[in-house]
Amino acid sequence: ITHAFGVLKKAAAIANNKLKPEKMTDEKLAAVSKACDE
């Protein structure tokens, strides 16, 4: 489940970056993605 949360939180950030880039900026996405990978 911990692993699955890493997957879905990264996926959510990717989707938000595409649909709400003013809120989920590229800078935020990069940080979220790296943390989720870990």
Full PDB file with SEQRES, HELIX, SHEET, SSBOND, CRYST1, ORIGX, SCALE, CONECT and MASTER records, all heavy atoms in Angstrom:
SEQRES   1 A   38  ILE THR HIS ALA PHE GLY VAL LEU LYS LYS ALA ALA ALA          
SEQRES   2 A   38  ILE ALA ASN ASN LYS LEU LYS PRO GLU LYS MET THR ASP          
SEQRES   3 A   38  GLU LYS LEU ALA ALA VAL SER LYS ALA CYS ASP GLU              
HELIX    1 AA1 THR A    2  LEU A   19  1                                  18    
HELIX    2 AA2 ASP A   26  ASP A   37  1                                  12    
CRYST1    1.000    1.000    1.000  90.00  90.00  90.00 P 1           1          
ORIGX1      1.000000  0.000000  0.000000        0.00000                         
ORIGX2      0.000000  1.000000  0.000000        0.00000                         
ORIGX3      0.000000  0.000000  1.000000        0.00000                         
SCALE1      1.000000  0.000000  0.000000        0.00000                         
SCALE2      0.000000  1.000000  0.000000        0.00000                         
SCALE3      0.000000  0.000000  1.000000        0.00000                         
ATOM      1  N   ILE A   1       0.842  -1.201   0.000  1.00  0.00           N  
ATOM      2  CA  ILE A   1       0.000   0.000   0.000  1.00  0.00           C  
ATOM      3  C   ILE A   1       0.872   1.245   0.000  1.00  0.00           C  
ATOM      4  O   ILE A   1       0.575   2.235  -0.696  1.00  0.00           O  
ATOM      5  CB  ILE A   1      -0.961  -0.017   1.209  1.00  0.00           C  
ATOM      6  CG1 ILE A   1      -2.029  -1.084   1.022  1.00  0.00           C  
ATOM      7  CG2 ILE A   1      -1.614   1.352   1.416  1.00  0.00           C  
ATOM      8  CD1 ILE A   1      -2.975  -0.847  -0.139  1.00  0.00           C  
ATOM      9  N   THR A   2       1.954   1.224   0.765  1.00  0.00           N  
ATOM     10  CA  THR A   2       2.903   2.344   0.737  1.00  0.00           C  
ATOM     11  C   THR A   2       3.386   2.568  -0.697  1.00  0.00           C  
ATOM     12  O   THR A   2       3.405   3.698  -1.191  1.00  0.00           O  
ATOM     13  CB  THR A   2       4.104   2.045   1.650  1.00  0.00           C  
ATOM     14  OG1 THR A   2       3.653   1.800   2.980  1.00  0.00           O  
ATOM     15  CG2 THR A   2       5.081   3.213   1.665  1.00  0.00           C  
ATOM     16  N   HIS A   3       3.788   1.490  -1.358  1.00  0.00           N  
ATOM     17  CA  HIS A   3       4.241   1.579  -2.750  1.00  0.00           C  
ATOM     18  C   HIS A   3       3.136   2.144  -3.653  1.00  0.00           C  
ATOM     19  O   HIS A   3       3.393   3.015  -4.494  1.00  0.00           O  
ATOM     20  CB  HIS A   3       4.646   0.185  -3.240  1.00  0.00           C  
ATOM     21  CG  HIS A   3       4.998   0.137  -4.695  1.00  0.00           C  
ATOM     22  ND1 HIS A   3       6.274   0.372  -5.162  1.00  0.00           N  
ATOM     23  CD2 HIS A   3       4.242  -0.107  -5.802  1.00  0.00           C  
ATOM     24  CE1 HIS A   3       6.285   0.271  -6.475  1.00  0.00           C  
ATOM     25  NE2 HIS A   3       5.067  -0.023  -6.896  1.00  0.00           N  
ATOM     26  N   ALA A   4       1.910   1.658  -3.461  1.00  0.00           N  
ATOM     27  CA  ALA A   4       0.793   2.106  -4.290  1.00  0.00           C  
ATOM     28  C   ALA A   4       0.522   3.592  -4.101  1.00  0.00           C  
ATOM     29  O   ALA A   4       0.173   4.300  -5.057  1.00  0.00           O  
ATOM     30  CB  ALA A   4      -0.462   1.293  -3.969  1.00  0.00           C  
ATOM     31  N   PHE A   5       0.684   4.086  -2.867  1.00  0.00           N  
ATOM     32  CA  PHE A   5       0.514   5.520  -2.645  1.00  0.00           C  
ATOM     33  C   PHE A   5       1.584   6.315  -3.379  1.00  0.00           C  
ATOM     34  O   PHE A   5       1.315   7.407  -3.899  1.00  0.00           O  
ATOM     35  CB  PHE A   5       0.525   5.848  -1.150  1.00  0.00           C  
ATOM     36  CG  PHE A   5      -0.849   5.891  -0.545  1.00  0.00           C  
ATOM     37  CD1 PHE A   5      -1.263   4.919   0.350  1.00  0.00           C  
ATOM     38  CD2 PHE A   5      -1.734   6.901  -0.875  1.00  0.00           C  
ATOM     39  CE1 PHE A   5      -2.541   4.950   0.899  1.00  0.00           C  
ATOM     40  CE2 PHE A   5      -3.015   6.951  -0.337  1.00  0.00           C  
ATOM     41  CZ  PHE A   5      -3.415   5.968   0.556  1.00  0.00           C  
ATOM     42  N   GLY A   6       2.799   5.780  -3.443  1.00  0.00           N  
ATOM     43  CA  GLY A   6       3.830   6.454  -4.218  1.00  0.00           C  
ATOM     44  C   GLY A   6       3.439   6.552  -5.677  1.00  0.00           C  
ATOM     45  O   GLY A   6       3.632   7.588  -6.327  1.00  0.00           O  
ATOM     46  N   VAL A   7       2.858   5.476  -6.192  1.00  0.00           N  
ATOM     47  CA  VAL A   7       2.406   5.457  -7.585  1.00  0.00           C  
ATOM     48  C   VAL A   7       1.307   6.486  -7.816  1.00  0.00           C  
ATOM     49  O   VAL A   7       1.377   7.309  -8.737  1.00  0.00           O  
ATOM     50  CB  VAL A   7       1.892   4.048  -7.970  1.00  0.00           C  
ATOM     51  CG1 VAL A   7       1.219   4.078  -9.345  1.00  0.00           C  
ATOM     52  CG2 VAL A   7       3.024   3.033  -7.951  1.00  0.00           C  
ATOM     53  N   LEU A   8       0.273   6.442  -6.976  1.00  0.00           N  
ATOM     54  CA  LEU A   8      -0.897   7.281  -7.262  1.00  0.00           C  
ATOM     55  C   LEU A   8      -0.619   8.752  -6.995  1.00  0.00           C  
ATOM     56  O   LEU A   8      -1.176   9.629  -7.674  1.00  0.00           O  
ATOM     57  CB  LEU A   8      -2.117   6.776  -6.483  1.00  0.00           C  
ATOM     58  CG  LEU A   8      -2.228   7.038  -4.989  1.00  0.00           C  
ATOM     59  CD1 LEU A   8      -2.915   8.365  -4.686  1.00  0.00           C  
ATOM     60  CD2 LEU A   8      -3.013   5.908  -4.328  1.00  0.00           C  
ATOM     61  N   LYS A   9       0.237   9.063  -6.019  1.00  0.00           N  
ATOM     62  CA  LYS A   9       0.559  10.472  -5.752  1.00  0.00           C  
ATOM     63  C   LYS A   9       1.390  11.061  -6.886  1.00  0.00           C  
ATOM     64  O   LYS A   9       1.214  12.229  -7.261  1.00  0.00           O  
ATOM     65  CB  LYS A   9       1.296  10.608  -4.419  1.00  0.00           C  
ATOM     66  CG  LYS A   9       0.453  10.263  -3.200  1.00  0.00           C  
ATOM     67  CD  LYS A   9      -0.738  11.196  -3.031  1.00  0.00           C  
ATOM     68  CE  LYS A   9      -1.589  10.815  -1.831  1.00  0.00           C  
ATOM     69  NZ  LYS A   9      -2.769  11.707  -1.663  1.00  0.00           N  
ATOM     70  N   LYS A  10       2.280  10.260  -7.453  1.00  0.00           N  
ATOM     71  CA  LYS A  10       3.035  10.742  -8.613  1.00  0.00           C  
ATOM     72  C   LYS A  10       2.102  10.912  -9.804  1.00  0.00           C  
ATOM     73  O   LYS A  10       2.180  11.923 -10.531  1.00  0.00           O  
ATOM     74  CB  LYS A  10       4.149   9.755  -8.954  1.00  0.00           C  
ATOM     75  CG  LYS A  10       4.996  10.190 -10.150  1.00  0.00           C  
ATOM     76  CD  LYS A  10       6.169   9.256 -10.382  1.00  0.00           C  
ATOM     77  CE  LYS A  10       7.032   9.727 -11.553  1.00  0.00           C  
ATOM     78  NZ  LYS A  10       8.230   8.873 -11.754  1.00  0.00           N  
ATOM     79  N   ALA A  11       1.209   9.953 -10.002  1.00  0.00           N  
ATOM     80  CA  ALA A  11       0.259  10.039 -11.101  1.00  0.00           C  
ATOM     81  C   ALA A  11      -0.648  11.256 -10.957  1.00  0.00           C  
ATOM     82  O   ALA A  11      -0.945  11.949 -11.942  1.00  0.00           O  
ATOM     83  CB  ALA A  11      -0.575   8.758 -11.175  1.00  0.00           C  
ATOM     84  N   ALA A  12      -1.089  11.519  -9.726  1.00  0.00           N  
ATOM     85  CA  ALA A  12      -1.952  12.683  -9.489  1.00  0.00           C  
ATOM     86  C   ALA A  12      -1.210  13.982  -9.797  1.00  0.00           C  
ATOM     87  O   ALA A  12      -1.776  14.920 -10.381  1.00  0.00           O  
ATOM     88  CB  ALA A  12      -2.444  12.677  -8.047  1.00  0.00           C  
ATOM     89  N   ALA A  13       0.061  14.036  -9.406  1.00  0.00           N  
ATOM     90  CA  ALA A  13       0.848  15.242  -9.684  1.00  0.00           C  
ATOM     91  C   ALA A  13       1.019  15.442 -11.193  1.00  0.00           C  
ATOM     92  O   ALA A  13       0.937  16.567 -11.695  1.00  0.00           O  
ATOM     93  CB  ALA A  13       2.210  15.137  -9.001  1.00  0.00           C  
ATOM     94  N   ILE A  14       1.240  14.344 -11.913  1.00  0.00           N  
ATOM     95  CA  ILE A  14       1.369  14.437 -13.372  1.00  0.00           C  
ATOM     96  C   ILE A  14       0.073  14.954 -13.995  1.00  0.00           C  
ATOM     97  O   ILE A  14       0.086  15.837 -14.872  1.00  0.00           O  
ATOM     98  CB  ILE A  14       1.742  13.060 -13.955  1.00  0.00           C  
ATOM     99  CG1 ILE A  14       3.160  12.670 -13.534  1.00  0.00           C  
ATOM    100  CG2 ILE A  14       1.606  13.054 -15.476  1.00  0.00           C  
ATOM    101  CD1 ILE A  14       3.535  11.231 -13.857  1.00  0.00           C  
ATOM    102  N   ALA A  15      -1.066  14.399 -13.531  1.00  0.00           N  
ATOM    103  CA  ALA A  15      -2.362  14.826 -14.066  1.00  0.00           C  
ATOM    104  C   ALA A  15      -2.641  16.279 -13.703  1.00  0.00           C  
ATOM    105  O   ALA A  15      -3.129  17.058 -14.542  1.00  0.00           O  
ATOM    106  CB  ALA A  15      -3.468  13.918 -13.531  1.00  0.00           C  
ATOM    107  N   ASN A  16      -2.355  16.667 -12.475  1.00  0.00           N  
ATOM    108  CA  ASN A  16      -2.578  18.055 -12.057  1.00  0.00           C  
ATOM    109  C   ASN A  16      -1.682  19.023 -12.821  1.00  0.00           C  
ATOM    110  O   ASN A  16      -2.093  20.139 -13.152  1.00  0.00           O  
ATOM    111  CB  ASN A  16      -2.335  18.194 -10.551  1.00  0.00           C  
ATOM    112  CG  ASN A  16      -3.504  17.683  -9.730  1.00  0.00           C  
ATOM    113  OD1 ASN A  16      -4.659  17.895 -10.091  1.00  0.00           O  
ATOM    114  ND2 ASN A  16      -3.209  17.005  -8.630  1.00  0.00           N  
ATOM    115  N   ASN A  17      -0.446  18.610 -13.091  1.00  0.00           N  
ATOM    116  CA  ASN A  17       0.467  19.457 -13.849  1.00  0.00           C  
ATOM    117  C   ASN A  17      -0.071  19.712 -15.256  1.00  0.00           C  
ATOM    118  O   ASN A  17       0.097  20.806 -15.819  1.00  0.00           O  
ATOM    119  CB  ASN A  17       1.841  18.789 -13.910  1.00  0.00           C  
ATOM    120  CG  ASN A  17       2.827  19.549 -14.783  1.00  0.00           C  
ATOM    121  OD1 ASN A  17       3.131  19.138 -15.900  1.00  0.00           O  
ATOM    122  ND2 ASN A  17       3.319  20.671 -14.272  1.00  0.00           N  
ATOM    123  N   LYS A  18      -0.752  18.722 -15.799  1.00  0.00           N  
ATOM    124  CA  LYS A  18      -1.317  18.869 -17.137  1.00  0.00           C  
ATOM    125  C   LYS A  18      -2.586  19.710 -17.126  1.00  0.00           C  
ATOM    126  O   LYS A  18      -2.806  20.522 -18.035  1.00  0.00           O  
ATOM    127  CB  LYS A  18      -1.626  17.484 -17.724  1.00  0.00           C  
ATOM    128  CG  LYS A  18      -2.160  17.509 -19.142  1.00  0.00           C  
ATOM    129  CD  LYS A  18      -2.276  16.110 -19.719  1.00  0.00           C  
ATOM    130  CE  LYS A  18      -2.724  16.143 -21.172  1.00  0.00           C  
ATOM    131  NZ  LYS A  18      -2.800  14.786 -21.774  1.00  0.00           N  
ATOM    132  N   LEU A  19      -3.414  19.538 -16.074  1.00  0.00           N  
ATOM    133  CA  LEU A  19      -4.728  20.189 -16.033  1.00  0.00           C  
ATOM    134  C   LEU A  19      -4.734  21.495 -15.244  1.00  0.00           C  
ATOM    135  O   LEU A  19      -5.554  22.370 -15.510  1.00  0.00           O  
ATOM    136  CB  LEU A  19      -5.756  19.218 -15.438  1.00  0.00           C  
ATOM    137  CG  LEU A  19      -5.962  17.909 -16.211  1.00  0.00           C  
ATOM    138  CD1 LEU A  19      -6.858  16.964 -15.420  1.00  0.00           C  
ATOM    139  CD2 LEU A  19      -6.573  18.190 -17.583  1.00  0.00           C  
ATOM    140  N   LYS A  20      -3.846  21.607 -14.270  1.00  0.00           N  
ATOM    141  CA  LYS A  20      -3.782  22.822 -13.428  1.00  0.00           C  
ATOM    142  C   LYS A  20      -2.327  23.240 -13.252  1.00  0.00           C  
ATOM    143  O   LYS A  20      -1.811  23.283 -12.140  1.00  0.00           O  
ATOM    144  CB  LYS A  20      -4.437  22.573 -12.078  1.00  0.00           C  
ATOM    145  CG  LYS A  20      -5.883  22.113 -12.209  1.00  0.00           C  
ATOM    146  CD  LYS A  20      -6.716  22.115 -10.951  1.00  0.00           C  
ATOM    147  CE  LYS A  20      -6.094  21.849  -9.658  1.00  0.00           C  
ATOM    148  NZ  LYS A  20      -7.062  21.751  -8.546  1.00  0.00           N  
ATOM    149  N   PRO A  21      -1.648  23.563 -14.346  1.00  0.00           N  
ATOM    150  CA  PRO A  21      -0.205  23.865 -14.275  1.00  0.00           C  
ATOM    151  C   PRO A  21       0.122  25.083 -13.425  1.00  0.00           C  
ATOM    152  O   PRO A  21       1.250  25.209 -12.945  1.00  0.00           O  
ATOM    153  CB  PRO A  21       0.185  24.074 -15.743  1.00  0.00           C  
ATOM    154  CG  PRO A  21      -1.093  24.459 -16.432  1.00  0.00           C  
ATOM    155  CD  PRO A  21      -2.167  23.700 -15.726  1.00  0.00           C  
ATOM    156  N   GLU A  22      -0.850  25.967 -13.260  1.00  0.00           N  
ATOM    157  CA  GLU A  22      -0.584  27.141 -12.420  1.00  0.00           C  
ATOM    158  C   GLU A  22      -0.480  26.773 -10.943  1.00  0.00           C  
ATOM    159  O   GLU A  22       0.137  27.491 -10.156  1.00  0.00           O  
ATOM    160  CB  GLU A  22      -1.680  28.196 -12.630  1.00  0.00           C  
ATOM    161  CG  GLU A  22      -3.049  27.878 -11.997  1.00  0.00           C  
ATOM    162  CD  GLU A  22      -3.856  26.814 -12.729  1.00  0.00           C  
ATOM    163  OE1 GLU A  22      -3.390  26.327 -13.783  1.00  0.00           O  
ATOM    164  OE2 GLU A  22      -4.949  26.471 -12.236  1.00  0.00           O  
ATOM    165  N   LYS A  23      -1.081  25.644 -10.574  1.00  0.00           N  
ATOM    166  CA  LYS A  23      -1.021  25.180  -9.182  1.00  0.00           C  
ATOM    167  C   LYS A  23       0.026  24.079  -9.001  1.00  0.00           C  
ATOM    168  O   LYS A  23       0.790  24.083  -8.048  1.00  0.00           O  
ATOM    169  CB  LYS A  23      -2.391  24.676  -8.723  1.00  0.00           C  
ATOM    170  CG  LYS A  23      -3.412  25.784  -8.532  1.00  0.00           C  
ATOM    171  CD  LYS A  23      -4.693  25.247  -7.921  1.00  0.00           C  
ATOM    172  CE  LYS A  23      -5.671  26.373  -7.609  1.00  0.00           C  
ATOM    173  NZ  LYS A  23      -5.176  27.263  -6.528  1.00  0.00           N  
ATOM    174  N   MET A  24       0.038  23.099  -9.906  1.00  0.00           N  
ATOM    175  CA  MET A  24       1.072  22.063  -9.871  1.00  0.00           C  
ATOM    176  C   MET A  24       2.100  22.418 -10.935  1.00  0.00           C  
ATOM    177  O   MET A  24       2.051  21.961 -12.075  1.00  0.00           O  
ATOM    178  CB  MET A  24       0.477  20.673 -10.120  1.00  0.00           C  
ATOM    179  CG  MET A  24       1.506  19.530 -10.109  1.00  0.00           C  
ATOM    180  SD  MET A  24       2.510  19.428  -8.603  1.00  0.00           S  
ATOM    181  CE  MET A  24       1.295  18.953  -7.387  1.00  0.00           C  
ATOM    182  N   THR A  25       3.040  23.271 -10.538  1.00  0.00           N  
ATOM    183  CA  THR A  25       4.042  23.766 -11.480  1.00  0.00           C  
ATOM    184  C   THR A  25       5.048  22.671 -11.822  1.00  0.00           C  
ATOM    185  O   THR A  25       5.124  21.631 -11.157  1.00  0.00           O  
ATOM    186  CB  THR A  25       4.794  24.958 -10.868  1.00  0.00           C  
ATOM    187  OG1 THR A  25       5.506  24.487  -9.699  1.00  0.00           O  
ATOM    188  CG2 THR A  25       3.824  26.071 -10.462  1.00  0.00           C  
ATOM    189  N   ASP A  26       5.841  22.929 -12.843  1.00  0.00           N  
ATOM    190  CA  ASP A  26       6.875  21.965 -13.219  1.00  0.00           C  
ATOM    191  C   ASP A  26       7.859  21.756 -12.077  1.00  0.00           C  
ATOM    192  O   ASP A  26       8.347  20.628 -11.869  1.00  0.00           O  
ATOM    193  CB  ASP A  26       7.626  22.460 -14.460  1.00  0.00           C  
ATOM    194  CG  ASP A  26       6.766  22.420 -15.723  1.00  0.00           C  
ATOM    195  OD1 ASP A  26       5.705  21.743 -15.704  1.00  0.00           O  
ATOM    196  OD2 ASP A  26       7.158  23.061 -16.719  1.00  0.00           O  
ATOM    197  N   GLU A  27       8.158  22.827 -11.352  1.00  0.00           N  
ATOM    198  CA  GLU A  27       9.088  22.724 -10.213  1.00  0.00           C  
ATOM    199  C   GLU A  27       8.512  21.810  -9.134  1.00  0.00           C  
ATOM    200  O   GLU A  27       9.209  20.947  -8.589  1.00  0.00           O  
ATOM    201  CB  GLU A  27       9.371  24.107  -9.639  1.00  0.00           C  
ATOM    202  CG  GLU A  27      10.391  24.091  -8.509  1.00  0.00           C  
ATOM    203  CD  GLU A  27      10.604  25.460  -7.887  1.00  0.00           C  
ATOM    204  OE1 GLU A  27       9.782  26.367  -8.146  1.00  0.00           O  
ATOM    205  OE2 GLU A  27      11.572  25.603  -7.119  1.00  0.00           O  
ATOM    206  N   LYS A  28       7.242  22.000  -8.832  1.00  0.00           N  
ATOM    207  CA  LYS A  28       6.590  21.145  -7.836  1.00  0.00           C  
ATOM    208  C   LYS A  28       6.534  19.693  -8.309  1.00  0.00           C  
ATOM    209  O   LYS A  28       6.795  18.763  -7.550  1.00  0.00           O  
ATOM    210  CB  LYS A  28       5.175  21.658  -7.540  1.00  0.00           C  
ATOM    211  CG  LYS A  28       5.124  22.939  -6.735  1.00  0.00           C  
ATOM    212  CD  LYS A  28       3.673  23.334  -6.446  1.00  0.00           C  
ATOM    213  CE  LYS A  28       3.606  24.579  -5.576  1.00  0.00           C  
ATOM    214  NZ  LYS A  28       2.197  24.965  -5.262  1.00  0.00           N  
ATOM    215  N   LEU A  29       6.174  19.507  -9.575  1.00  0.00           N  
ATOM    216  CA  LEU A  29       6.072  18.156 -10.121  1.00  0.00           C  
ATOM    217  C   LEU A  29       7.403  17.419 -10.015  1.00  0.00           C  
ATOM    218  O   LEU A  29       7.428  16.226  -9.654  1.00  0.00           O  
ATOM    219  CB  LEU A  29       5.631  18.206 -11.587  1.00  0.00           C  
ATOM    220  CG  LEU A  29       5.603  16.860 -12.321  1.00  0.00           C  
ATOM    221  CD1 LEU A  29       4.633  15.886 -11.657  1.00  0.00           C  
ATOM    222  CD2 LEU A  29       5.242  17.059 -13.794  1.00  0.00           C  
ATOM    223  N   ALA A  30       8.485  18.108 -10.283  1.00  0.00           N  
ATOM    224  CA  ALA A  30       9.802  17.471 -10.222  1.00  0.00           C  
ATOM    225  C   ALA A  30      10.099  16.991  -8.801  1.00  0.00           C  
ATOM    226  O   ALA A  30      10.595  15.871  -8.602  1.00  0.00           O  
ATOM    227  CB  ALA A  30      10.871  18.441 -10.698  1.00  0.00           C  
ATOM    228  N   ALA A  31       9.790  17.822  -7.822  1.00  0.00           N  
ATOM    229  CA  ALA A  31      10.058  17.464  -6.429  1.00  0.00           C  
ATOM    230  C   ALA A  31       9.153  16.325  -5.975  1.00  0.00           C  
ATOM    231  O   ALA A  31       9.599  15.385  -5.298  1.00  0.00           O  
ATOM    232  CB  ALA A  31       9.878  18.685  -5.527  1.00  0.00           C  
ATOM    233  N   VAL A  32       7.862  16.415  -6.331  1.00  0.00           N  
ATOM    234  CA  VAL A  32       6.911  15.359  -5.967  1.00  0.00           C  
ATOM    235  C   VAL A  32       7.308  14.043  -6.612  1.00  0.00           C  
ATOM    236  O   VAL A  32       7.315  12.980  -5.971  1.00  0.00           O  
ATOM    237  CB  VAL A  32       5.475  15.746  -6.388  1.00  0.00           C  
ATOM    238  CG1 VAL A  32       4.527  14.560  -6.192  1.00  0.00           C  
ATOM    239  CG2 VAL A  32       4.984  16.936  -5.576  1.00  0.00           C  
ATOM    240  N   SER A  33       7.657  14.078  -7.881  1.00  0.00           N  
ATOM    241  CA  SER A  33       8.006  12.858  -8.610  1.00  0.00           C  
ATOM    242  C   SER A  33       9.215  12.169  -8.005  1.00  0.00           C  
ATOM    243  O   SER A  33       9.235  10.938  -7.842  1.00  0.00           O  
ATOM    244  CB  SER A  33       8.279  13.178 -10.085  1.00  0.00           C  
ATOM    245  OG  SER A  33       7.104  13.625 -10.728  1.00  0.00           O  
ATOM    246  N   LYS A  34      10.226  12.955  -7.645  1.00  0.00           N  
ATOM    247  CA  LYS A  34      11.437  12.366  -7.040  1.00  0.00           C  
ATOM    248  C   LYS A  34      11.103  11.728  -5.697  1.00  0.00           C  
ATOM    249  O   LYS A  34      11.546  10.602  -5.394  1.00  0.00           O  
ATOM    250  CB  LYS A  34      12.501  13.451  -6.858  1.00  0.00           C  
ATOM    251  CG  LYS A  34      13.794  12.946  -6.230  1.00  0.00           C  
ATOM    252  CD  LYS A  34      14.526  11.983  -7.145  1.00  0.00           C  
ATOM    253  CE  LYS A  34      15.945  11.691  -6.633  1.00  0.00           C  
ATOM    254  NZ  LYS A  34      15.967  10.994  -5.345  1.00  0.00           N  
ATOM    255  N   ALA A  35      10.316  12.425  -4.881  1.00  0.00           N  
ATOM    256  CA  ALA A  35       9.929  11.872  -3.576  1.00  0.00           C  
ATOM    257  C   ALA A  35       9.094  10.606  -3.747  1.00  0.00           C  
ATOM    258  O   ALA A  35       9.281   9.619  -3.021  1.00  0.00           O  
ATOM    259  CB  ALA A  35       9.159  12.925  -2.775  1.00  0.00           C  
ATOM    260  N   CYS A  36       8.187  10.624  -4.708  1.00  0.00           N  
ATOM    261  CA  CYS A  36       7.343   9.447  -4.961  1.00  0.00           C  
ATOM    262  C   CYS A  36       8.169   8.271  -5.464  1.00  0.00           C  
ATOM    263  O   CYS A  36       7.891   7.109  -5.113  1.00  0.00           O  
ATOM    264  CB  CYS A  36       6.248   9.785  -5.972  1.00  0.00           C  
ATOM    265  SG  CYS A  36       4.938  10.828  -5.298  1.00  0.00           S  
ATOM    266  N   ASP A  37       9.173   8.544  -6.277  1.00  0.00           N  
ATOM    267  CA  ASP A  37      10.052   7.468  -6.738  1.00  0.00           C  
ATOM    268  C   ASP A  37      10.733   6.780  -5.554  1.00  0.00           C  
ATOM    269  O   ASP A  37      10.897   5.555  -5.533  1.00  0.00           O  
ATOM    270  CB  ASP A  37      11.105   8.018  -7.707  1.00  0.00           C  
ATOM    271  CG  ASP A  37      10.529   8.386  -9.072  1.00  0.00           C  
ATOM    272  OD1 ASP A  37       9.409   7.916  -9.388  1.00  0.00           O  
ATOM    273  OD2 ASP A  37      11.187   9.157  -9.807  1.00  0.00           O  
ATOM    274  N   GLU A  38      11.124   7.572  -4.572  1.00  0.00           N  
ATOM    275  CA  GLU A  38      11.763   7.018  -3.387  1.00  0.00           C  
ATOM    276  C   GLU A  38      10.769   6.192  -2.563  1.00  0.00           C  
ATOM    277  O   GLU A  38      11.123   5.146  -2.006  1.00  0.00           O  
ATOM    278  CB  GLU A  38      12.357   8.138  -2.536  1.00  0.00           C  
ATOM    279  CG  GLU A  38      13.537   8.841  -3.215  1.00  0.00           C  
ATOM    280  CD  GLU A  38      14.095   9.978  -2.379  1.00  0.00           C  
ATOM    281  OE1 GLU A  38      13.610  10.191  -1.241  1.00  0.00           O  
ATOM    282  OE2 GLU A  38      15.024  10.664  -2.859  1.00  0.00           O  
TER     283      GLU A  38                                                      
MASTER        0    0    0    2    0    0    0    6  282    1    0    3          
END                                                                             
